[in-house]
Amino acid sequence: MTLISSILGFSAFGFGARCFQLGLQHRPIFDAPTGHLIASGAFGVIGYGAFYADKKQTALLAEKKKILLERREKENLEWQANKGQQAHAV
């Protein structure tokens, strides 16, 4: 997901949530647009943060996967070496 789509998606959700809130209160939906701007802006900021949190978590998971694969390869080499020694001992 790109940065723009994250921000716009969260902003649209904030706008929809604000319209839903006003609808539940039986108030005119488009009477005061400042509330819509505040809700859209706040949710846009949340979308911005979610994008970079996802990016950071993806990088951390890739690093962790690299470490685990290196460790697995090392353990496989040690297992193969021990397996060869046991065959000679028998």
PDB file of N, CA and C in Angstrom:
ATOM      1  N   MET A   1       0.840  -1.165   0.000  1.00  0.00           N
ATOM      2  CA  MET A   1       0.000   0.000   0.000  1.00  0.00           C
ATOM      3  C   MET A   1       0.894   1.240   0.000  1.00  0.00           C
ATOM      4  N   THR A   2       0.543   2.212  -0.784  1.00  0.00           N
ATOM      5  CA  THR A   2       1.365   3.406  -0.866  1.00  0.00           C
ATOM      6  C   THR A   2       0.965   4.420   0.205  1.00  0.00           C
ATOM      7  N   LEU A   3       1.808   5.404   0.363  1.00  0.00           N
ATOM      8  CA  LEU A   3       1.562   6.438   1.371  1.00  0.00           C
ATOM      9  C   LEU A   3       0.286   7.219   1.067  1.00  0.00           C
ATOM     10  N   ILE A   4       0.113   7.602  -0.186  1.00  0.00           N
ATOM     11  CA  ILE A   4      -1.066   8.395  -0.550  1.00  0.00           C
ATOM     12  C   ILE A   4      -2.349   7.603  -0.323  1.00  0.00           C
ATOM     13  N   SER A   5      -2.343   6.323  -0.709  1.00  0.00           N
ATOM     14  CA  SER A   5      -3.559   5.530  -0.530  1.00  0.00           C
ATOM     15  C   SER A   5      -3.854   5.288   0.949  1.00  0.00           C
ATOM     16  N   SER A   6      -2.818   5.174   1.763  1.00  0.00           N
ATOM     17  CA  SER A   6      -3.036   5.019   3.203  1.00  0.00           C
ATOM     18  C   SER A   6      -3.668   6.272   3.800  1.00  0.00           C
ATOM     19  N   ILE A   7      -3.112   7.418   3.459  1.00  0.00           N
ATOM     20  CA  ILE A   7      -3.628   8.675   3.996  1.00  0.00           C
ATOM     21  C   ILE A   7      -5.060   8.923   3.508  1.00  0.00           C
ATOM     22  N   LEU A   8      -5.290   8.748   2.198  1.00  0.00           N
ATOM     23  CA  LEU A   8      -6.625   9.001   1.657  1.00  0.00           C
ATOM     24  C   LEU A   8      -7.647   7.996   2.170  1.00  0.00           C
ATOM     25  N   GLY A   9      -7.239   6.754   2.320  1.00  0.00           N
ATOM     26  CA  GLY A   9      -8.164   5.742   2.841  1.00  0.00           C
ATOM     27  C   GLY A   9      -8.578   6.030   4.273  1.00  0.00           C
ATOM     28  N   PHE A  10      -7.613   6.350   5.110  1.00  0.00           N
ATOM     29  CA  PHE A  10      -7.934   6.675   6.499  1.00  0.00           C
ATOM     30  C   PHE A  10      -8.733   7.970   6.586  1.00  0.00           C
ATOM     31  N   SER A  11      -8.417   8.945   5.732  1.00  0.00           N
ATOM     32  CA  SER A  11      -9.180  10.198   5.726  1.00  0.00           C
ATOM     33  C   SER A  11     -10.625   9.959   5.314  1.00  0.00           C
ATOM     34  N   ALA A  12     -10.826   9.116   4.310  1.00  0.00           N
ATOM     35  CA  ALA A  12     -12.188   8.800   3.880  1.00  0.00           C
ATOM     36  C   ALA A  12     -12.951   8.089   4.990  1.00  0.00           C
ATOM     37  N   PHE A  13     -12.263   7.219   5.713  1.00  0.00           N
ATOM     38  CA  PHE A  13     -12.911   6.553   6.842  1.00  0.00           C
ATOM     39  C   PHE A  13     -13.290   7.563   7.918  1.00  0.00           C
ATOM     40  N   GLY A  14     -12.402   8.519   8.200  1.00  0.00           N
ATOM     41  CA  GLY A  14     -12.704   9.565   9.180  1.00  0.00           C
ATOM     42  C   GLY A  14     -13.874  10.423   8.757  1.00  0.00           C
ATOM     43  N   PHE A  15     -13.934  10.758   7.470  1.00  0.00           N
ATOM     44  CA  PHE A  15     -15.061  11.536   6.945  1.00  0.00           C
ATOM     45  C   PHE A  15     -16.362  10.744   7.086  1.00  0.00           C
ATOM     46  N   GLY A  16     -16.317   9.466   6.751  1.00  0.00           N
ATOM     47  CA  GLY A  16     -17.505   8.619   6.874  1.00  0.00           C
ATOM     48  C   GLY A  16     -17.940   8.460   8.321  1.00  0.00           C
ATOM     49  N   ALA A  17     -16.975   8.328   9.218  1.00  0.00           N
ATOM     50  CA  ALA A  17     -17.306   8.197  10.640  1.00  0.00           C
ATOM     51  C   ALA A  17     -17.969   9.468  11.161  1.00  0.00           C
ATOM     52  N   ARG A  18     -17.472  10.621  10.709  1.00  0.00           N
ATOM     53  CA  ARG A  18     -18.072  11.895  11.124  1.00  0.00           C
ATOM     54  C   ARG A  18     -19.499  12.023  10.580  1.00  0.00           C
ATOM     55  N   CYS A  19     -19.718  11.634   9.317  1.00  0.00           N
ATOM     56  CA  CYS A  19     -21.072  11.685   8.743  1.00  0.00           C
ATOM     57  C   CYS A  19     -22.001  10.731   9.487  1.00  0.00           C
ATOM     58  N   PHE A  20     -21.504   9.559   9.826  1.00  0.00           N
ATOM     59  CA  PHE A  20     -22.309   8.590  10.564  1.00  0.00           C
ATOM     60  C   PHE A  20     -22.670   9.129  11.947  1.00  0.00           C
ATOM     61  N   GLN A  21     -21.694   9.759  12.599  1.00  0.00           N
ATOM     62  CA  GLN A  21     -21.939  10.350  13.922  1.00  0.00           C
ATOM     63  C   GLN A  21     -23.043  11.398  13.848  1.00  0.00           C
ATOM     64  N   LEU A  22     -22.957  12.283  12.878  1.00  0.00           N
ATOM     65  CA  LEU A  22     -23.975  13.328  12.747  1.00  0.00           C
ATOM     66  C   LEU A  22     -25.326  12.740  12.364  1.00  0.00           C
ATOM     67  N   GLY A  23     -25.315  11.680  11.563  1.00  0.00           N
ATOM     68  CA  GLY A  23     -26.565  11.022  11.213  1.00  0.00           C
ATOM     69  C   GLY A  23     -27.237  10.391  12.412  1.00  0.00           C
ATOM     70  N   LEU A  24     -26.446   9.804  13.295  1.00  0.00           N
ATOM     71  CA  LEU A  24     -27.015   9.225  14.520  1.00  0.00           C
ATOM     72  C   LEU A  24     -27.604  10.285  15.433  1.00  0.00           C
ATOM     73  N   GLN A  25     -27.013  11.453  15.414  1.00  0.00           N
ATOM     74  CA  GLN A  25     -27.495  12.548  16.252  1.00  0.00           C
ATOM     75  C   GLN A  25     -28.638  13.334  15.587  1.00  0.00           C
ATOM     76  N   HIS A  26     -29.008  12.954  14.375  1.00  0.00           N
ATOM     77  CA  HIS A  26     -30.068  13.636  13.609  1.00  0.00           C
ATOM     78  C   HIS A  26     -29.745  15.118  13.416  1.00  0.00           C
ATOM     79  N   ARG A  27     -28.470  15.390  13.122  1.00  0.00           N
ATOM     80  CA  ARG A  27     -28.041  16.746  12.828  1.00  0.00           C
ATOM     81  C   ARG A  27     -27.752  16.857  11.338  1.00  0.00           C
ATOM     82  N   PRO A  28     -27.796  18.055  10.773  1.00  0.00           N
ATOM     83  CA  PRO A  28     -27.464  18.208   9.340  1.00  0.00           C
ATOM     84  C   PRO A  28     -26.017  17.777   9.085  1.00  0.00           C
ATOM     85  N   ILE A  29     -25.841  16.927   8.099  1.00  0.00           N
ATOM     86  CA  ILE A  29     -24.519  16.330   7.872  1.00  0.00           C
ATOM     87  C   ILE A  29     -23.523  17.355   7.340  1.00  0.00           C
ATOM     88  N   PHE A  30     -23.931  18.198   6.388  1.00  0.00           N
ATOM     89  CA  PHE A  30     -22.987  19.124   5.766  1.00  0.00           C
ATOM     90  C   PHE A  30     -23.184  20.560   6.228  1.00  0.00           C
ATOM     91  N   ASP A  31     -23.623  20.750   7.465  1.00  0.00           N
ATOM     92  CA  ASP A  31     -23.864  22.095   7.977  1.00  0.00           C
ATOM     93  C   ASP A  31     -22.564  22.782   8.392  1.00  0.00           C
ATOM     94  N   ALA A  32     -21.705  22.087   9.109  1.00  0.00           N
ATOM     95  CA  ALA A  32     -20.451  22.666   9.587  1.00  0.00           C
ATOM     96  C   ALA A  32     -19.280  21.814   9.074  1.00  0.00           C
ATOM     97  N   PRO A  33     -18.608  22.246   8.009  1.00  0.00           N
ATOM     98  CA  PRO A  33     -17.554  21.418   7.409  1.00  0.00           C
ATOM     99  C   PRO A  33     -16.263  21.346   8.221  1.00  0.00           C
ATOM    100  N   THR A  34     -16.101  22.190   9.235  1.00  0.00           N
ATOM    101  CA  THR A  34     -14.855  22.148   9.995  1.00  0.00           C
ATOM    102  C   THR A  34     -14.713  20.826  10.757  1.00  0.00           C
ATOM    103  N   GLY A  35     -15.802  20.280  11.235  1.00  0.00           N
ATOM    104  CA  GLY A  35     -15.738  18.983  11.922  1.00  0.00           C
ATOM    105  C   GLY A  35     -15.295  17.882  10.982  1.00  0.00           C
ATOM    106  N   HIS A  36     -15.758  17.949   9.735  1.00  0.00           N
ATOM    107  CA  HIS A  36     -15.339  16.974   8.735  1.00  0.00           C
ATOM    108  C   HIS A  36     -13.845  17.113   8.439  1.00  0.00           C
ATOM    109  N   LEU A  37     -13.377  18.341   8.343  1.00  0.00           N
ATOM    110  CA  LEU A  37     -11.953  18.560   8.076  1.00  0.00           C
ATOM    111  C   LEU A  37     -11.091  18.057   9.225  1.00  0.00           C
ATOM    112  N   ILE A  38     -11.530  18.292  10.438  1.00  0.00           N
ATOM    113  CA  ILE A  38     -10.769  17.832  11.605  1.00  0.00           C
ATOM    114  C   ILE A  38     -10.737  16.311  11.652  1.00  0.00           C
ATOM    115  N   ALA A  39     -11.876  15.665  11.428  1.00  0.00           N
ATOM    116  CA  ALA A  39     -11.928  14.202  11.452  1.00  0.00           C
ATOM    117  C   ALA A  39     -11.084  13.612  10.332  1.00  0.00           C
ATOM    118  N   SER A  40     -11.197  14.174   9.130  1.00  0.00           N
ATOM    119  CA  SER A  40     -10.407  13.676   7.995  1.00  0.00           C
ATOM    120  C   SER A  40      -8.914  13.885   8.240  1.00  0.00           C
ATOM    121  N   GLY A  41      -8.559  15.043   8.759  1.00  0.00           N
ATOM    122  CA  GLY A  41      -7.151  15.319   9.054  1.00  0.00           C
ATOM    123  C   GLY A  41      -6.582  14.405  10.121  1.00  0.00           C
ATOM    124  N   ALA A  42      -7.351  14.187  11.173  1.00  0.00           N
ATOM    125  CA  ALA A  42      -6.879  13.322  12.260  1.00  0.00           C
ATOM    126  C   ALA A  42      -6.694  11.890  11.773  1.00  0.00           C
ATOM    127  N   PHE A  43      -7.669  11.399  11.017  1.00  0.00           N
ATOM    128  CA  PHE A  43      -7.535  10.037  10.506  1.00  0.00           C
ATOM    129  C   PHE A  43      -6.449   9.955   9.438  1.00  0.00           C
ATOM    130  N   GLY A  44      -6.217  11.027   8.688  1.00  0.00           N
ATOM    131  CA  GLY A  44      -5.112  11.063   7.728  1.00  0.00           C
ATOM    132  C   GLY A  44      -3.764  10.935   8.429  1.00  0.00           C
ATOM    133  N   VAL A  45      -3.629  11.593   9.565  1.00  0.00           N
ATOM    134  CA  VAL A  45      -2.393  11.489  10.346  1.00  0.00           C
ATOM    135  C   VAL A  45      -2.218  10.054  10.853  1.00  0.00           C
ATOM    136  N   ILE A  46      -3.305   9.428  11.259  1.00  0.00           N
ATOM    137  CA  ILE A  46      -3.240   8.029  11.697  1.00  0.00           C
ATOM    138  C   ILE A  46      -2.812   7.138  10.524  1.00  0.00           C
ATOM    139  N   GLY A  47      -3.330   7.408   9.325  1.00  0.00           N
ATOM    140  CA  GLY A  47      -2.933   6.649   8.144  1.00  0.00           C
ATOM    141  C   GLY A  47      -1.460   6.831   7.824  1.00  0.00           C
ATOM    142  N   TYR A  48      -0.959   8.058   7.979  1.00  0.00           N
ATOM    143  CA  TYR A  48       0.461   8.337   7.771  1.00  0.00           C
ATOM    144  C   TYR A  48       1.311   7.519   8.744  1.00  0.00           C
ATOM    145  N   GLY A  49       0.917   7.508   9.998  1.00  0.00           N
ATOM    146  CA  GLY A  49       1.651   6.736  10.999  1.00  0.00           C
ATOM    147  C   GLY A  49       1.556   5.243  10.747  1.00  0.00           C
ATOM    148  N   ALA A  50       0.390   4.773  10.321  1.00  0.00           N
ATOM    149  CA  ALA A  50       0.215   3.344  10.043  1.00  0.00           C
ATOM    150  C   ALA A  50       1.099   2.903   8.880  1.00  0.00           C
ATOM    151  N   PHE A  51       1.243   3.762   7.871  1.00  0.00           N
ATOM    152  CA  PHE A  51       2.092   3.421   6.729  1.00  0.00           C
ATOM    153  C   PHE A  51       3.533   3.216   7.172  1.00  0.00           C
ATOM    154  N   TYR A  52       4.070   4.149   7.949  1.00  0.00           N
ATOM    155  CA  TYR A  52       5.464   4.031   8.367  1.00  0.00           C
ATOM    156  C   TYR A  52       5.657   2.946   9.424  1.00  0.00           C
ATOM    157  N   ALA A  53       4.645   2.669  10.226  1.00  0.00           N
ATOM    158  CA  ALA A  53       4.737   1.557  11.172  1.00  0.00           C
ATOM    159  C   ALA A  53       4.801   0.235  10.405  1.00  0.00           C
ATOM    160  N   ASP A  54       3.994   0.101   9.370  1.00  0.00           N
ATOM    161  CA  ASP A  54       4.014  -1.106   8.543  1.00  0.00           C
ATOM    162  C   ASP A  54       5.358  -1.263   7.848  1.00  0.00           C
ATOM    163  N   LYS A  55       5.897  -0.171   7.342  1.00  0.00           N
ATOM    164  CA  LYS A  55       7.194  -0.200   6.666  1.00  0.00           C
ATOM    165  C   LYS A  55       8.303  -0.632   7.632  1.00  0.00           C
ATOM    166  N   LYS A  56       8.274  -0.093   8.852  1.00  0.00           N
ATOM    167  CA  LYS A  56       9.282  -0.430   9.852  1.00  0.00           C
ATOM    168  C   LYS A  56       9.161  -1.889  10.272  1.00  0.00           C
ATOM    169  N   GLN A  57       7.932  -2.368  10.469  1.00  0.00           N
ATOM    170  CA  GLN A  57       7.719  -3.747  10.875  1.00  0.00           C
ATOM    171  C   GLN A  57       8.147  -4.718   9.778  1.00  0.00           C
ATOM    172  N   THR A  58       7.906  -4.373   8.528  1.00  0.00           N
ATOM    173  CA  THR A  58       8.330  -5.218   7.414  1.00  0.00           C
ATOM    174  C   THR A  58       9.849  -5.334   7.377  1.00  0.00           C
ATOM    175  N   ALA A  59      10.543  -4.230   7.611  1.00  0.00           N
ATOM    176  CA  ALA A  59      12.005  -4.262   7.637  1.00  0.00           C
ATOM    177  C   ALA A  59      12.517  -5.107   8.809  1.00  0.00           C
ATOM    178  N   LEU A  60      11.894  -4.973   9.970  1.00  0.00           N
ATOM    179  CA  LEU A  60      12.304  -5.769  11.123  1.00  0.00           C
ATOM    180  C   LEU A  60      12.063  -7.261  10.895  1.00  0.00           C
ATOM    181  N   LEU A  61      10.936  -7.594  10.273  1.00  0.00           N
ATOM    182  CA  LEU A  61      10.651  -9.005   9.978  1.00  0.00           C
ATOM    183  C   LEU A  61      11.624  -9.569   8.954  1.00  0.00           C
ATOM    184  N   ALA A  62      12.003  -8.785   7.962  1.00  0.00           N
ATOM    185  CA  ALA A  62      12.974  -9.244   6.969  1.00  0.00           C
ATOM    186  C   ALA A  62      14.329  -9.504   7.627  1.00  0.00           C
ATOM    187  N   GLU A  63      14.729  -8.624   8.519  1.00  0.00           N
ATOM    188  CA  GLU A  63      16.004  -8.813   9.236  1.00  0.00           C
ATOM    189  C   GLU A  63      15.953 -10.063  10.115  1.00  0.00           C
ATOM    190  N   LYS A  64      14.832 -10.260  10.805  1.00  0.00           N
ATOM    191  CA  LYS A  64      14.669 -11.431  11.662  1.00  0.00           C
ATOM    192  C   LYS A  64      14.684 -12.712  10.830  1.00  0.00           C
ATOM    193  N   LYS A  65      14.048 -12.699   9.671  1.00  0.00           N
ATOM    194  CA  LYS A  65      14.032 -13.863   8.790  1.00  0.00           C
ATOM    195  C   LYS A  65      15.442 -14.189   8.314  1.00  0.00           C
ATOM    196  N   LYS A  66      16.209 -13.150   7.979  1.00  0.00           N
ATOM    197  CA  LYS A  66      17.591 -13.354   7.543  1.00  0.00           C
ATOM    198  C   LYS A  66      18.409 -14.014   8.647  1.00  0.00           C
ATOM    199  N   ILE A  67      18.249 -13.528   9.868  1.00  0.00           N
ATOM    200  CA  ILE A  67      18.987 -14.104  11.006  1.00  0.00           C
ATOM    201  C   ILE A  67      18.587 -15.559  11.226  1.00  0.00           C
ATOM    202  N   LEU A  68      17.285 -15.849  11.164  1.00  0.00           N
ATOM    203  CA  LEU A  68      16.813 -17.215  11.382  1.00  0.00           C
ATOM    204  C   LEU A  68      17.299 -18.161  10.285  1.00  0.00           C
ATOM    205  N   LEU A  69      17.320 -17.702   9.039  1.00  0.00           N
ATOM    206  CA  LEU A  69      17.816 -18.551   7.952  1.00  0.00           C
ATOM    207  C   LEU A  69      19.308 -18.825   8.092  1.00  0.00           C
ATOM    208  N   GLU A  70      20.071 -17.821   8.506  1.00  0.00           N
ATOM    209  CA  GLU A  70      21.505 -18.039   8.747  1.00  0.00           C
ATOM    210  C   GLU A  70      21.719 -19.037   9.877  1.00  0.00           C
ATOM    211  N   ARG A  71      20.943 -18.911  10.938  1.00  0.00           N
ATOM    212  CA  ARG A  71      21.054 -19.826  12.065  1.00  0.00           C
ATOM    213  C   ARG A  71      20.677 -21.257  11.650  1.00  0.00           C
ATOM    214  N   ARG A  72      19.615 -21.384  10.852  1.00  0.00           N
ATOM    215  CA  ARG A  72      19.189 -22.702  10.383  1.00  0.00           C
ATOM    216  C   ARG A  72      20.267 -23.343   9.503  1.00  0.00           C
ATOM    217  N   GLU A  73      20.888 -22.549   8.633  1.00  0.00           N
ATOM    218  CA  GLU A  73      21.952 -23.070   7.779  1.00  0.00           C
ATOM    219  C   GLU A  73      23.142 -23.540   8.615  1.00  0.00           C
ATOM    220  N   LYS A  74      23.487 -22.778   9.634  1.00  0.00           N
ATOM    221  CA  LYS A  74      24.592 -23.159  10.515  1.00  0.00           C
ATOM    222  C   LYS A  74      24.268 -24.465  11.245  1.00  0.00           C
ATOM    223  N   GLU A  75      23.033 -24.581  11.752  1.00  0.00           N
ATOM    224  CA  GLU A  75      22.630 -25.803  12.449  1.00  0.00           C
ATOM    225  C   GLU A  75      22.610 -26.996  11.508  1.00  0.00           C
ATOM    226  N   ASN A  76      22.190 -26.794  10.257  1.00  0.00           N
ATOM    227  CA  ASN A  76      22.199 -27.889   9.286  1.00  0.00           C
ATOM    228  C   ASN A  76      23.614 -28.347   8.980  1.00  0.00           C
ATOM    229  N   LEU A  77      24.555 -27.400   8.866  1.00  0.00           N
ATOM    230  CA  LEU A  77      25.951 -27.774   8.631  1.00  0.00           C
ATOM    231  C   LEU A  77      26.516 -28.546   9.821  1.00  0.00           C
ATOM    232  N   GLU A  78      26.196 -28.110  11.030  1.00  0.00           N
ATOM    233  CA  GLU A  78      26.655 -28.824  12.224  1.00  0.00           C
ATOM    234  C   GLU A  78      26.037 -30.220  12.294  1.00  0.00           C
ATOM    235  N   TRP A  79      24.782 -30.342  11.928  1.00  0.00           N
ATOM    236  CA  TRP A  79      24.108 -31.643  11.958  1.00  0.00           C
ATOM    237  C   TRP A  79      24.736 -32.587  10.934  1.00  0.00           C
ATOM    238  N   GLN A  80      25.037 -32.074   9.733  1.00  0.00           N
ATOM    239  CA  GLN A  80      25.676 -32.894   8.708  1.00  0.00           C
ATOM    240  C   GLN A  80      27.061 -33.350   9.173  1.00  0.00           C
ATOM    241  N   ALA A  81      27.807 -32.474   9.845  1.00  0.00           N
ATOM    242  CA  ALA A  81      29.139 -32.832  10.339  1.00  0.00           C
ATOM    243  C   ALA A  81      29.024 -33.903  11.425  1.00  0.00           C
ATOM    244  N   ASN A  82      28.072 -33.750  12.331  1.00  0.00           N
ATOM    245  CA  ASN A  82      27.887 -34.738  13.393  1.00  0.00           C
ATOM    246  C   ASN A  82      27.385 -36.061  12.828  1.00  0.00           C
ATOM    247  N   LYS A  83      26.568 -36.029  11.815  1.00  0.00           N
ATOM    248  CA  LYS A  83      26.054 -37.232  11.187  1.00  0.00           C
ATOM    249  C   LYS A  83      27.190 -38.021  10.544  1.00  0.00           C
ATOM    250  N   GLY A  84      28.138 -37.333   9.919  1.00  0.00           N
ATOM    251  CA  GLY A  84      29.292 -37.974   9.301  1.00  0.00           C
ATOM    252  C   GLY A  84      30.209 -38.601  10.339  1.00  0.00           C
ATOM    253  N   GLN A  85      30.360 -37.952  11.495  1.00  0.00           N
ATOM    254  CA  GLN A  85      31.210 -38.507  12.557  1.00  0.00           C
ATOM    255  C   GLN A  85      30.586 -39.735  13.158  1.00  0.00           C
ATOM    256  N   GLN A  86      29.270 -39.767  13.304  1.00  0.00           N
ATOM    257  CA  GLN A  86      28.588 -40.924  13.881  1.00  0.00           C
ATOM    258  C   GLN A  86      28.671 -42.126  12.939  1.00  0.00           C
ATOM    259  N   ALA A  87      28.669 -41.907  11.631  1.00  0.00           N
ATOM    260  CA  ALA A  87      28.768 -43.014  10.677  1.00  0.00           C
ATOM    261  C   ALA A  87      30.127 -43.681  10.768  1.00  0.00           C
ATOM    262  N   HIS A  88      31.192 -42.907  11.014  1.00  0.00           N
ATOM    263  CA  HIS A  88      32.520 -43.486  11.145  1.00  0.00           C
ATOM    264  C   HIS A  88      32.697 -44.201  12.472  1.00  0.00           C
ATOM    265  N   ALA A  89      31.959 -43.760  13.492  1.00  0.00           N
ATOM    266  CA  ALA A  89      32.111 -44.370  14.816  1.00  0.00           C
ATOM    267  C   ALA A  89      31.452 -45.734  14.854  1.00  0.00           C
ATOM    268  N   VAL A  90      30.480 -46.004  14.053  1.00  0.00           N
ATOM    269  CA  VAL A  90      29.756 -47.278  14.083  1.00  0.00           C
ATOM    270  C   VAL A  90      30.460 -48.329  13.352  1.00  0.00           C
TER     271      VAL A  90
END
